[in-house]
Amino acid sequence: FAEKEIAPVAGQYDEKDEFPTEIIRKLHEVGLLTIGVPEEYGG
């Protein structure tokens, strides 16, 4: 995910000083946004 979705556009977001909303949405889709949620609470 980092190589395909983040690294290629990270420089553009950095240059614009922009929050990567689309990347965060995709991270949630693939299950990488809730890595700290315990199993008993749906994580």
PDB file of all heavy atoms in Angstrom:
ATOM      1  N   PHE A   1       0.837  -1.199   0.000  1.00  0.00           N
ATOM      2  CA  PHE A   1       0.000   0.000   0.000  1.00  0.00           C
ATOM      3  C   PHE A   1       0.870   1.246   0.000  1.00  0.00           C
ATOM      4  O   PHE A   1       0.601   2.210  -0.738  1.00  0.00           O
ATOM      5  CB  PHE A   1      -0.918  -0.001   1.220  1.00  0.00           C
ATOM      6  CG  PHE A   1      -1.940   1.107   1.206  1.00  0.00           C
ATOM      7  CD1 PHE A   1      -3.206   0.896   0.681  1.00  0.00           C
ATOM      8  CD2 PHE A   1      -1.627   2.372   1.696  1.00  0.00           C
ATOM      9  CE1 PHE A   1      -4.144   1.921   0.648  1.00  0.00           C
ATOM     10  CE2 PHE A   1      -2.557   3.402   1.662  1.00  0.00           C
ATOM     11  CZ  PHE A   1      -3.823   3.177   1.139  1.00  0.00           C
ATOM     12  N   ALA A   2       1.927   1.243   0.804  1.00  0.00           N
ATOM     13  CA  ALA A   2       2.817   2.400   0.883  1.00  0.00           C
ATOM     14  C   ALA A   2       3.478   2.682  -0.453  1.00  0.00           C
ATOM     15  O   ALA A   2       3.591   3.838  -0.883  1.00  0.00           O
ATOM     16  CB  ALA A   2       3.870   2.178   1.960  1.00  0.00           C
ATOM     17  N   GLU A   3       3.910   1.629  -1.120  1.00  0.00           N
ATOM     18  CA  GLU A   3       4.614   1.780  -2.400  1.00  0.00           C
ATOM     19  C   GLU A   3       3.675   2.193  -3.524  1.00  0.00           C
ATOM     20  O   GLU A   3       4.062   2.976  -4.401  1.00  0.00           O
ATOM     21  CB  GLU A   3       5.323   0.478  -2.763  1.00  0.00           C
ATOM     22  CG  GLU A   3       6.517   0.154  -1.864  1.00  0.00           C
ATOM     23  CD  GLU A   3       7.195  -1.140  -2.240  1.00  0.00           C
ATOM     24  OE1 GLU A   3       6.529  -2.030  -2.833  1.00  0.00           O
ATOM     25  OE2 GLU A   3       8.396  -1.292  -1.934  1.00  0.00           O
ATOM     26  N   LYS A   4       2.448   1.657  -3.516  1.00  0.00           N
ATOM     27  CA  LYS A   4       1.524   1.897  -4.626  1.00  0.00           C
ATOM     28  C   LYS A   4       0.639   3.126  -4.422  1.00  0.00           C
ATOM     29  O   LYS A   4       0.331   3.851  -5.385  1.00  0.00           O
ATOM     30  CB  LYS A   4       0.630   0.665  -4.840  1.00  0.00           C
ATOM     31  CG  LYS A   4       1.381  -0.618  -5.129  1.00  0.00           C
ATOM     32  CD  LYS A   4       2.109  -0.570  -6.460  1.00  0.00           C
ATOM     33  CE  LYS A   4       2.758  -1.916  -6.773  1.00  0.00           C
ATOM     34  NZ  LYS A   4       3.540  -1.873  -8.035  1.00  0.00           N
ATOM     35  N   GLU A   5       0.207   3.357  -3.184  1.00  0.00           N
ATOM     36  CA  GLU A   5      -0.807   4.385  -2.926  1.00  0.00           C
ATOM     37  C   GLU A   5      -0.267   5.642  -2.249  1.00  0.00           C
ATOM     38  O   GLU A   5      -0.824   6.726  -2.447  1.00  0.00           O
ATOM     39  CB  GLU A   5      -1.938   3.794  -2.059  1.00  0.00           C
ATOM     40  CG  GLU A   5      -2.650   2.593  -2.656  1.00  0.00           C
ATOM     41  CD  GLU A   5      -3.517   2.945  -3.847  1.00  0.00           C
ATOM     42  OE1 GLU A   5      -3.789   4.149  -4.066  1.00  0.00           O
ATOM     43  OE2 GLU A   5      -3.929   2.021  -4.568  1.00  0.00           O
ATOM     44  N   ILE A   6       0.789   5.502  -1.445  1.00  0.00           N
ATOM     45  CA  ILE A   6       1.256   6.651  -0.664  1.00  0.00           C
ATOM     46  C   ILE A   6       2.465   7.326  -1.291  1.00  0.00           C
ATOM     47  O   ILE A   6       2.433   8.528  -1.607  1.00  0.00           O
ATOM     48  CB  ILE A   6       1.582   6.239   0.792  1.00  0.00           C
ATOM     49  CG1 ILE A   6       0.360   5.612   1.466  1.00  0.00           C
ATOM     50  CG2 ILE A   6       2.047   7.463   1.579  1.00  0.00           C
ATOM     51  CD1 ILE A   6       0.619   5.115   2.885  1.00  0.00           C
ATOM     52  N   ALA A   7       3.546   6.574  -1.466  1.00  0.00           N
ATOM     53  CA  ALA A   7       4.817   7.166  -1.917  1.00  0.00           C
ATOM     54  C   ALA A   7       4.702   7.944  -3.231  1.00  0.00           C
ATOM     55  O   ALA A   7       5.291   9.031  -3.358  1.00  0.00           O
ATOM     56  CB  ALA A   7       5.885   6.083  -2.025  1.00  0.00           C
ATOM     57  N   PRO A   8       3.969   7.440  -4.226  1.00  0.00           N
ATOM     58  CA  PRO A   8       3.922   8.173  -5.507  1.00  0.00           C
ATOM     59  C   PRO A   8       3.303   9.569  -5.418  1.00  0.00           C
ATOM     60  O   PRO A   8       3.588  10.425  -6.264  1.00  0.00           O
ATOM     61  CB  PRO A   8       3.070   7.251  -6.406  1.00  0.00           C
ATOM     62  CG  PRO A   8       3.215   5.885  -5.821  1.00  0.00           C
ATOM     63  CD  PRO A   8       3.281   6.131  -4.346  1.00  0.00           C
ATOM     64  N   VAL A   9       2.447   9.808  -4.411  1.00  0.00           N
ATOM     65  CA  VAL A   9       1.762  11.104  -4.324  1.00  0.00           C
ATOM     66  C   VAL A   9       2.157  11.898  -3.085  1.00  0.00           C
ATOM     67  O   VAL A   9       1.707  13.032  -2.904  1.00  0.00           O
ATOM     68  CB  VAL A   9       0.223  10.916  -4.351  1.00  0.00           C
ATOM     69  CG1 VAL A   9      -0.220  10.321  -5.679  1.00  0.00           C
ATOM     70  CG2 VAL A   9      -0.246  10.046  -3.179  1.00  0.00           C
ATOM     71  N   ALA A  10       2.999  11.314  -2.227  1.00  0.00           N
ATOM     72  CA  ALA A  10       3.357  11.979  -0.968  1.00  0.00           C
ATOM     73  C   ALA A  10       4.000  13.334  -1.210  1.00  0.00           C
ATOM     74  O   ALA A  10       3.721  14.304  -0.489  1.00  0.00           O
ATOM     75  CB  ALA A  10       4.283  11.081  -0.145  1.00  0.00           C
ATOM     76  N   GLY A  11       4.859  13.414  -2.207  1.00  0.00           N
ATOM     77  CA  GLY A  11       5.532  14.676  -2.506  1.00  0.00           C
ATOM     78  C   GLY A  11       4.564  15.769  -2.927  1.00  0.00           C
ATOM     79  O   GLY A  11       4.749  16.944  -2.574  1.00  0.00           O
ATOM     80  N   GLN A  12       3.515  15.389  -3.668  1.00  0.00           N
ATOM     81  CA  GLN A  12       2.523  16.374  -4.106  1.00  0.00           C
ATOM     82  C   GLN A  12       1.731  16.920  -2.921  1.00  0.00           C
ATOM     83  O   GLN A  12       1.499  18.134  -2.810  1.00  0.00           O
ATOM     84  CB  GLN A  12       1.571  15.729  -5.117  1.00  0.00           C
ATOM     85  CG  GLN A  12       2.256  15.216  -6.378  1.00  0.00           C
ATOM     86  CD  GLN A  12       1.324  14.359  -7.227  1.00  0.00           C
ATOM     87  OE1 GLN A  12       0.112  14.569  -7.237  1.00  0.00           O
ATOM     88  NE2 GLN A  12       1.893  13.388  -7.941  1.00  0.00           N
ATOM     89  N   TYR A  13       1.318  16.016  -2.030  1.00  0.00           N
ATOM     90  CA  TYR A  13       0.593  16.463  -0.836  1.00  0.00           C
ATOM     91  C   TYR A  13       1.497  17.339   0.031  1.00  0.00           C
ATOM     92  O   TYR A  13       1.048  18.330   0.607  1.00  0.00           O
ATOM     93  CB  TYR A  13       0.115  15.257  -0.028  1.00  0.00           C
ATOM     94  CG  TYR A  13      -1.140  14.600  -0.567  1.00  0.00           C
ATOM     95  CD1 TYR A  13      -1.102  13.333  -1.154  1.00  0.00           C
ATOM     96  CD2 TYR A  13      -2.377  15.238  -0.462  1.00  0.00           C
ATOM     97  CE1 TYR A  13      -2.253  12.724  -1.635  1.00  0.00           C
ATOM     98  CE2 TYR A  13      -3.537  14.634  -0.942  1.00  0.00           C
ATOM     99  CZ  TYR A  13      -3.463  13.379  -1.523  1.00  0.00           C
ATOM    100  OH  TYR A  13      -4.616  12.787  -2.003  1.00  0.00           O
ATOM    101  N   ASP A  14       2.760  16.952   0.129  1.00  0.00           N
ATOM    102  CA  ASP A  14       3.726  17.716   0.923  1.00  0.00           C
ATOM    103  C   ASP A  14       3.886  19.127   0.353  1.00  0.00           C
ATOM    104  O   ASP A  14       3.865  20.116   1.095  1.00  0.00           O
ATOM    105  CB  ASP A  14       5.074  16.991   0.928  1.00  0.00           C
ATOM    106  CG  ASP A  14       6.175  17.792   1.602  1.00  0.00           C
ATOM    107  OD1 ASP A  14       6.285  17.735   2.831  1.00  0.00           O
ATOM    108  OD2 ASP A  14       6.943  18.468   0.881  1.00  0.00           O
ATOM    109  N   GLU A  15       4.024  19.219  -0.953  1.00  0.00           N
ATOM    110  CA  GLU A  15       4.226  20.510  -1.616  1.00  0.00           C
ATOM    111  C   GLU A  15       3.016  21.423  -1.407  1.00  0.00           C
ATOM    112  O   GLU A  15       3.162  22.633  -1.178  1.00  0.00           O
ATOM    113  CB  GLU A  15       4.467  20.293  -3.109  1.00  0.00           C
ATOM    114  CG  GLU A  15       4.852  21.546  -3.870  1.00  0.00           C
ATOM    115  CD  GLU A  15       6.281  21.985  -3.614  1.00  0.00           C
ATOM    116  OE1 GLU A  15       7.088  21.160  -3.138  1.00  0.00           O
ATOM    117  OE2 GLU A  15       6.586  23.161  -3.888  1.00  0.00           O
ATOM    118  N   LYS A  16       1.828  20.833  -1.447  1.00  0.00           N
ATOM    119  CA  LYS A  16       0.594  21.613  -1.285  1.00  0.00           C
ATOM    120  C   LYS A  16       0.218  21.835   0.177  1.00  0.00           C
ATOM    121  O   LYS A  16      -0.719  22.574   0.468  1.00  0.00           O
ATOM    122  CB  LYS A  16      -0.567  20.904  -1.991  1.00  0.00           C
ATOM    123  CG  LYS A  16      -0.402  20.777  -3.497  1.00  0.00           C
ATOM    124  CD  LYS A  16      -1.554  19.966  -4.083  1.00  0.00           C
ATOM    125  CE  LYS A  16      -1.403  19.765  -5.576  1.00  0.00           C
ATOM    126  NZ  LYS A  16      -2.502  18.911  -6.124  1.00  0.00           N
ATOM    127  N   ASP A  17       0.936  21.171   1.092  1.00  0.00           N
ATOM    128  CA  ASP A  17       0.606  21.225   2.517  1.00  0.00           C
ATOM    129  C   ASP A  17      -0.844  20.798   2.718  1.00  0.00           C
ATOM    130  O   ASP A  17      -1.636  21.453   3.396  1.00  0.00           O
ATOM    131  CB  ASP A  17       0.839  22.637   3.075  1.00  0.00           C
ATOM    132  CG  ASP A  17       0.805  22.673   4.594  1.00  0.00           C
ATOM    133  OD1 ASP A  17       0.977  21.612   5.215  1.00  0.00           O
ATOM    134  OD2 ASP A  17       0.598  23.765   5.160  1.00  0.00           O
ATOM    135  N   GLU A  18      -1.181  19.652   2.114  1.00  0.00           N
ATOM    136  CA  GLU A  18      -2.581  19.197   2.047  1.00  0.00           C
ATOM    137  C   GLU A  18      -2.757  17.875   2.776  1.00  0.00           C
ATOM    138  O   GLU A  18      -1.920  16.967   2.660  1.00  0.00           O
ATOM    139  CB  GLU A  18      -2.977  19.042   0.574  1.00  0.00           C
ATOM    140  CG  GLU A  18      -4.404  18.607   0.341  1.00  0.00           C
ATOM    141  CD  GLU A  18      -4.720  18.458  -1.143  1.00  0.00           C
ATOM    142  OE1 GLU A  18      -4.011  19.064  -1.967  1.00  0.00           O
ATOM    143  OE2 GLU A  18      -5.662  17.726  -1.473  1.00  0.00           O
ATOM    144  N   PHE A  19      -3.848  17.747   3.516  1.00  0.00           N
ATOM    145  CA  PHE A  19      -4.163  16.499   4.201  1.00  0.00           C
ATOM    146  C   PHE A  19      -4.629  15.463   3.174  1.00  0.00           C
ATOM    147  O   PHE A  19      -5.511  15.749   2.353  1.00  0.00           O
ATOM    148  CB  PHE A  19      -5.260  16.720   5.238  1.00  0.00           C
ATOM    149  CG  PHE A  19      -5.577  15.499   6.050  1.00  0.00           C
ATOM    150  CD1 PHE A  19      -4.732  15.083   7.066  1.00  0.00           C
ATOM    151  CD2 PHE A  19      -6.725  14.757   5.796  1.00  0.00           C
ATOM    152  CE1 PHE A  19      -5.029  13.951   7.823  1.00  0.00           C
ATOM    153  CE2 PHE A  19      -7.030  13.627   6.531  1.00  0.00           C
ATOM    154  CZ  PHE A  19      -6.175  13.219   7.550  1.00  0.00           C
ATOM    155  N   PRO A  20      -4.072  14.240   3.201  1.00  0.00           N
ATOM    156  CA  PRO A  20      -4.383  13.237   2.168  1.00  0.00           C
ATOM    157  C   PRO A  20      -5.671  12.463   2.456  1.00  0.00           C
ATOM    158  O   PRO A  20      -5.649  11.269   2.763  1.00  0.00           O
ATOM    159  CB  PRO A  20      -3.161  12.320   2.216  1.00  0.00           C
ATOM    160  CG  PRO A  20      -2.731  12.356   3.646  1.00  0.00           C
ATOM    161  CD  PRO A  20      -3.022  13.759   4.127  1.00  0.00           C
ATOM    162  N   THR A  21      -6.787  13.126   2.330  1.00  0.00           N
ATOM    163  CA  THR A  21      -8.081  12.519   2.668  1.00  0.00           C
ATOM    164  C   THR A  21      -8.324  11.222   1.915  1.00  0.00           C
ATOM    165  O   THR A  21      -8.805  10.230   2.484  1.00  0.00           O
ATOM    166  CB  THR A  21      -9.223  13.515   2.352  1.00  0.00           C
ATOM    167  OG1 THR A  21      -9.001  14.724   3.089  1.00  0.00           O
ATOM    168  CG2 THR A  21     -10.570  12.931   2.724  1.00  0.00           C
ATOM    169  N   GLU A  22      -7.969  11.191   0.631  1.00  0.00           N
ATOM    170  CA  GLU A  22      -8.214   9.996  -0.175  1.00  0.00           C
ATOM    171  C   GLU A  22      -7.362   8.829   0.298  1.00  0.00           C
ATOM    172  O   GLU A  22      -7.821   7.681   0.329  1.00  0.00           O
ATOM    173  CB  GLU A  22      -7.923  10.305  -1.649  1.00  0.00           C
ATOM    174  CG  GLU A  22      -8.223   9.158  -2.611  1.00  0.00           C
ATOM    175  CD  GLU A  22      -9.698   8.768  -2.665  1.00  0.00           C
ATOM    176  OE1 GLU A  22     -10.552   9.538  -2.167  1.00  0.00           O
ATOM    177  OE2 GLU A  22      -9.997   7.694  -3.219  1.00  0.00           O
ATOM    178  N   ILE A  23      -6.131   9.094   0.675  1.00  0.00           N
ATOM    179  CA  ILE A  23      -5.259   8.026   1.184  1.00  0.00           C
ATOM    180  C   ILE A  23      -5.829   7.470   2.485  1.00  0.00           C
ATOM    181  O   ILE A  23      -5.848   6.247   2.703  1.00  0.00           O
ATOM    182  CB  ILE A  23      -3.825   8.542   1.390  1.00  0.00           C
ATOM    183  CG1 ILE A  23      -3.167   8.818   0.046  1.00  0.00           C
ATOM    184  CG2 ILE A  23      -2.990   7.542   2.189  1.00  0.00           C
ATOM    185  CD1 ILE A  23      -1.782   9.436   0.151  1.00  0.00           C
ATOM    186  N   ILE A  24      -6.284   8.337   3.363  1.00  0.00           N
ATOM    187  CA  ILE A  24      -6.857   7.885   4.635  1.00  0.00           C
ATOM    188  C   ILE A  24      -8.086   7.025   4.383  1.00  0.00           C
ATOM    189  O   ILE A  24      -8.301   5.999   5.038  1.00  0.00           O
ATOM    190  CB  ILE A  24      -7.203   9.092   5.532  1.00  0.00           C
ATOM    191  CG1 ILE A  24      -5.938   9.890   5.868  1.00  0.00           C
ATOM    192  CG2 ILE A  24      -7.895   8.634   6.808  1.00  0.00           C
ATOM    193  CD1 ILE A  24      -4.845   9.091   6.546  1.00  0.00           C
ATOM    194  N   ARG A  25      -8.908   7.430   3.422  1.00  0.00           N
ATOM    195  CA  ARG A  25     -10.093   6.624   3.078  1.00  0.00           C
ATOM    196  C   ARG A  25      -9.690   5.241   2.598  1.00  0.00           C
ATOM    197  O   ARG A  25     -10.276   4.228   3.014  1.00  0.00           O
ATOM    198  CB  ARG A  25     -10.909   7.337   1.993  1.00  0.00           C
ATOM    199  CG  ARG A  25     -12.218   6.624   1.632  1.00  0.00           C
ATOM    200  CD  ARG A  25     -12.889   7.268   0.434  1.00  0.00           C
ATOM    201  NE  ARG A  25     -12.098   7.117  -0.782  1.00  0.00           N
ATOM    202  CZ  ARG A  25     -12.041   5.985  -1.499  1.00  0.00           C
ATOM    203  NH1 ARG A  25     -12.730   4.915  -1.122  1.00  0.00           N
ATOM    204  NH2 ARG A  25     -11.309   5.932  -2.595  1.00  0.00           N
ATOM    205  N   LYS A  26      -8.676   5.170   1.752  1.00  0.00           N
ATOM    206  CA  LYS A  26      -8.209   3.877   1.238  1.00  0.00           C
ATOM    207  C   LYS A  26      -7.580   3.026   2.335  1.00  0.00           C
ATOM    208  O   LYS A  26      -7.730   1.802   2.353  1.00  0.00           O
ATOM    209  CB  LYS A  26      -7.217   4.101   0.098  1.00  0.00           C
ATOM    210  CG  LYS A  26      -7.843   4.660  -1.176  1.00  0.00           C
ATOM    211  CD  LYS A  26      -6.791   4.864  -2.258  1.00  0.00           C
ATOM    212  CE  LYS A  26      -7.401   5.401  -3.539  1.00  0.00           C
ATOM    213  NZ  LYS A  26      -6.357   5.624  -4.591  1.00  0.00           N
ATOM    214  N   LEU A  27      -6.867   3.675   3.254  1.00  0.00           N
ATOM    215  CA  LEU A  27      -6.286   2.940   4.381  1.00  0.00           C
ATOM    216  C   LEU A  27      -7.388   2.250   5.187  1.00  0.00           C
ATOM    217  O   LEU A  27      -7.226   1.109   5.630  1.00  0.00           O
ATOM    218  CB  LEU A  27      -5.499   3.888   5.285  1.00  0.00           C
ATOM    219  CG  LEU A  27      -4.069   4.224   4.859  1.00  0.00           C
ATOM    220  CD1 LEU A  27      -3.535   5.402   5.667  1.00  0.00           C
ATOM    221  CD2 LEU A  27      -3.151   3.017   5.027  1.00  0.00           C
ATOM    222  N   HIS A  28      -8.510   2.942   5.368  1.00  0.00           N
ATOM    223  CA  HIS A  28      -9.620   2.345   6.099  1.00  0.00           C
ATOM    224  C   HIS A  28     -10.210   1.174   5.314  1.00  0.00           C
ATOM    225  O   HIS A  28     -10.546   0.130   5.902  1.00  0.00           O
ATOM    226  CB  HIS A  28     -10.696   3.396   6.362  1.00  0.00           C
ATOM    227  CG  HIS A  28     -11.860   2.879   7.165  1.00  0.00           C
ATOM    228  ND1 HIS A  28     -11.723   2.363   8.432  1.00  0.00           N
ATOM    229  CD2 HIS A  28     -13.182   2.782   6.861  1.00  0.00           C
ATOM    230  CE1 HIS A  28     -12.890   1.977   8.883  1.00  0.00           C
ATOM    231  NE2 HIS A  28     -13.799   2.216   7.948  1.00  0.00           N
ATOM    232  N   GLU A  29     -10.304   1.319   4.013  1.00  0.00           N
ATOM    233  CA  GLU A  29     -10.875   0.261   3.166  1.00  0.00           C
ATOM    234  C   GLU A  29     -10.077  -1.034   3.264  1.00  0.00           C
ATOM    235  O   GLU A  29     -10.653  -2.124   3.244  1.00  0.00           O
ATOM    236  CB  GLU A  29     -10.932   0.720   1.705  1.00  0.00           C
ATOM    237  CG  GLU A  29     -12.028   1.737   1.408  1.00  0.00           C
ATOM    238  CD  GLU A  29     -12.059   2.126  -0.063  1.00  0.00           C
ATOM    239  OE1 GLU A  29     -11.156   1.690  -0.810  1.00  0.00           O
ATOM    240  OE2 GLU A  29     -12.979   2.868  -0.454  1.00  0.00           O
ATOM    241  N   VAL A  30      -8.751  -0.916   3.352  1.00  0.00           N
ATOM    242  CA  VAL A  30      -7.906  -2.129   3.383  1.00  0.00           C
ATOM    243  C   VAL A  30      -7.609  -2.573   4.814  1.00  0.00           C
ATOM    244  O   VAL A  30      -6.841  -3.524   5.016  1.00  0.00           O
ATOM    245  CB  VAL A  30      -6.595  -1.916   2.607  1.00  0.00           C
ATOM    246  CG1 VAL A  30      -6.876  -1.623   1.142  1.00  0.00           C
ATOM    247  CG2 VAL A  30      -5.744  -0.804   3.223  1.00  0.00           C
ATOM    248  N   GLY A  31      -8.190  -1.915   5.818  1.00  0.00           N
ATOM    249  CA  GLY A  31      -8.042  -2.360   7.190  1.00  0.00           C
ATOM    250  C   GLY A  31      -6.788  -1.902   7.892  1.00  0.00           C
ATOM    251  O   GLY A  31      -6.403  -2.485   8.922  1.00  0.00           O
ATOM    252  N   LEU A  32      -6.144  -0.845   7.385  1.00  0.00           N
ATOM    253  CA  LEU A  32      -4.899  -0.374   7.988  1.00  0.00           C
ATOM    254  C   LEU A  32      -5.084   0.890   8.829  1.00  0.00           C
ATOM    255  O   LEU A  32      -4.112   1.395   9.400  1.00  0.00           O
ATOM    256  CB  LEU A  32      -3.849  -0.103   6.903  1.00  0.00           C
ATOM    257  CG  LEU A  32      -3.368  -1.318   6.112  1.00  0.00           C
ATOM    258  CD1 LEU A  32      -2.426  -0.894   4.995  1.00  0.00           C
ATOM    259  CD2 LEU A  32      -2.687  -2.328   7.033  1.00  0.00           C
ATOM    260  N   LEU A  33      -6.309   1.377   8.927  1.00  0.00           N
ATOM    261  CA  LEU A  33      -6.539   2.603   9.690  1.00  0.00           C
ATOM    262  C   LEU A  33      -6.919   2.317  11.138  1.00  0.00           C
ATOM    263  O   LEU A  33      -6.776   3.176  11.997  1.00  0.00           O
ATOM    264  CB  LEU A  33      -7.644   3.441   9.024  1.00  0.00           C
ATOM    265  CG  LEU A  33      -7.822   4.873   9.545  1.00  0.00           C
ATOM    266  CD1 LEU A  33      -6.563   5.702   9.326  1.00  0.00           C
ATOM    267  CD2 LEU A  33      -9.017   5.541   8.870  1.00  0.00           C
ATOM    268  N   THR A  34      -7.373   1.099  11.411  1.00  0.00           N
ATOM    269  CA  THR A  34      -7.862   0.753  12.760  1.00  0.00           C
ATOM    270  C   THR A  34      -6.959  -0.277  13.426  1.00  0.00           C
ATOM    271  O   THR A  34      -7.418  -1.165  14.138  1.00  0.00           O
ATOM    272  CB  THR A  34      -9.300   0.220  12.685  1.00  0.00           C
ATOM    273  OG1 THR A  34      -9.345  -0.875  11.758  1.00  0.00           O
ATOM    274  CG2 THR A  34     -10.265   1.295  12.238  1.00  0.00           C
ATOM    275  N   ILE A  35      -5.655  -0.140  13.226  1.00  0.00           N
ATOM    276  CA  ILE A  35      -4.713  -1.165  13.699  1.00  0.00           C
ATOM    277  C   ILE A  35      -4.648  -1.254  15.219  1.00  0.00           C
ATOM    278  O   ILE A  35      -4.175  -2.266  15.754  1.00  0.00           O
ATOM    279  CB  ILE A  35      -3.295  -0.934  13.129  1.00  0.00           C
ATOM    280  CG1 ILE A  35      -2.754   0.446  13.544  1.00  0.00           C
ATOM    281  CG2 ILE A  35      -3.308  -1.075  11.620  1.00  0.00           C
ATOM    282  CD1 ILE A  35      -1.310   0.674  13.124  1.00  0.00           C
ATOM    283  N   GLY A  36      -5.131  -0.226  15.932  1.00  0.00           N
ATOM    284  CA  GLY A  36      -5.068  -0.256  17.382  1.00  0.00           C
ATOM    285  C   GLY A  36      -6.357  -0.683  18.054  1.00  0.00           C
ATOM    286  O   GLY A  36      -6.419  -0.742  19.286  1.00  0.00           O
ATOM    287  N   VAL A  37      -7.386  -0.994  17.285  1.00  0.00           N
ATOM    288  CA  VAL A  37      -8.682  -1.348  17.879  1.00  0.00           C
ATOM    289  C   VAL A  37      -8.692  -2.819  18.286  1.00  0.00           C
ATOM    290  O   VAL A  37      -8.451  -3.698  17.451  1.00  0.00           O
ATOM    291  CB  VAL A  37      -9.838  -1.068  16.899  1.00  0.00           C
ATOM    292  CG1 VAL A  37     -11.181  -1.420  17.542  1.00  0.00           C
ATOM    293  CG2 VAL A  37      -9.826   0.393  16.460  1.00  0.00           C
ATOM    294  N   PRO A  38      -8.967  -3.121  19.563  1.00  0.00           N
ATOM    295  CA  PRO A  38      -9.007  -4.520  20.006  1.00  0.00           C
ATOM    296  C   PRO A  38     -10.125  -5.306  19.313  1.00  0.00           C
ATOM    297  O   PRO A  38     -11.132  -4.740  18.887  1.00  0.00           O
ATOM    298  CB  PRO A  38      -9.287  -4.397  21.510  1.00  0.00           C
ATOM    299  CG  PRO A  38      -8.857  -3.006  21.881  1.00  0.00           C
ATOM    300  CD  PRO A  38      -9.167  -2.173  20.677  1.00  0.00           C
ATOM    301  N   GLU A  39      -9.931  -6.600  19.237  1.00  0.00           N
ATOM    302  CA  GLU A  39     -10.895  -7.467  18.553  1.00  0.00           C
ATOM    303  C   GLU A  39     -12.269  -7.410  19.213  1.00  0.00           C
ATOM    304  O   GLU A  39     -13.302  -7.410  18.529  1.00  0.00           O
ATOM    305  CB  GLU A  39     -10.381  -8.907  18.546  1.00  0.00           C
ATOM    306  CG  GLU A  39     -11.211  -9.858  17.719  1.00  0.00           C
ATOM    307  CD  GLU A  39     -10.594 -11.238  17.625  1.00  0.00           C
ATOM    308  OE1 GLU A  39      -9.650 -11.514  18.387  1.00  0.00           O
ATOM    309  OE2 GLU A  39     -11.052 -12.047  16.792  1.00  0.00           O
ATOM    310  N   GLU A  40     -12.307  -7.328  20.551  1.00  0.00           N
ATOM    311  CA  GLU A  40     -13.600  -7.332  21.243  1.00  0.00           C
ATOM    312  C   GLU A  40     -14.399  -6.064  21.005  1.00  0.00           C
ATOM    313  O   GLU A  40     -15.593  -6.007  21.325  1.00  0.00           O
ATOM    314  CB  GLU A  40     -13.404  -7.552  22.748  1.00  0.00           C
ATOM    315  CG  GLU A  40     -12.566  -6.512  23.453  1.00  0.00           C
ATOM    316  CD  GLU A  40     -11.089  -6.918  23.547  1.00  0.00           C
ATOM    317  OE1 GLU A  40     -10.578  -7.533  22.592  1.00  0.00           O
ATOM    318  OE2 GLU A  40     -10.473  -6.610  24.582  1.00  0.00           O
ATOM    319  N   TYR A  41     -13.764  -5.054  20.410  1.00  0.00           N
ATOM    320  CA  TYR A  41     -14.470  -3.811  20.084  1.00  0.00           C
ATOM    321  C   TYR A  41     -14.561  -3.585  18.579  1.00  0.00           C
ATOM    322  O   TYR A  41     -14.689  -2.458  18.115  1.00  0.00           O
ATOM    323  CB  TYR A  41     -13.796  -2.627  20.781  1.00  0.00           C
ATOM    324  CG  TYR A  41     -13.869  -2.740  22.284  1.00  0.00           C
ATOM    325  CD1 TYR A  41     -12.756  -3.114  23.023  1.00  0.00           C
ATOM    326  CD2 TYR A  41     -15.071  -2.526  22.962  1.00  0.00           C
ATOM    327  CE1 TYR A  41     -12.821  -3.253  24.407  1.00  0.00           C
ATOM    328  CE2 TYR A  41     -15.157  -2.671  24.343  1.00  0.00           C
ATOM    329  CZ  TYR A  41     -14.025  -3.033  25.060  1.00  0.00           C
ATOM    330  OH  TYR A  41     -14.105  -3.184  26.425  1.00  0.00           O
ATOM    331  N   GLY A  42     -14.499  -4.684  17.834  1.00  0.00           N
ATOM    332  CA  GLY A  42     -14.736  -4.628  16.399  1.00  0.00           C
ATOM    333  C   GLY A  42     -13.514  -4.401  15.533  1.00  0.00           C
ATOM    334  O   GLY A  42     -13.637  -4.207  14.323  1.00  0.00           O
ATOM    335  N   GLY A  43     -12.326  -4.410  16.138  1.00  0.00           N
ATOM    336  CA  GLY A  43     -11.106  -4.176  15.381  1.00  0.00           C
ATOM    337  C   GLY A  43     -10.370  -5.452  15.043  1.00  0.00           C
ATOM    338  O   GLY A  43     -10.837  -6.553  15.343  1.00  0.00           O
TER     339      GLY A  43
END
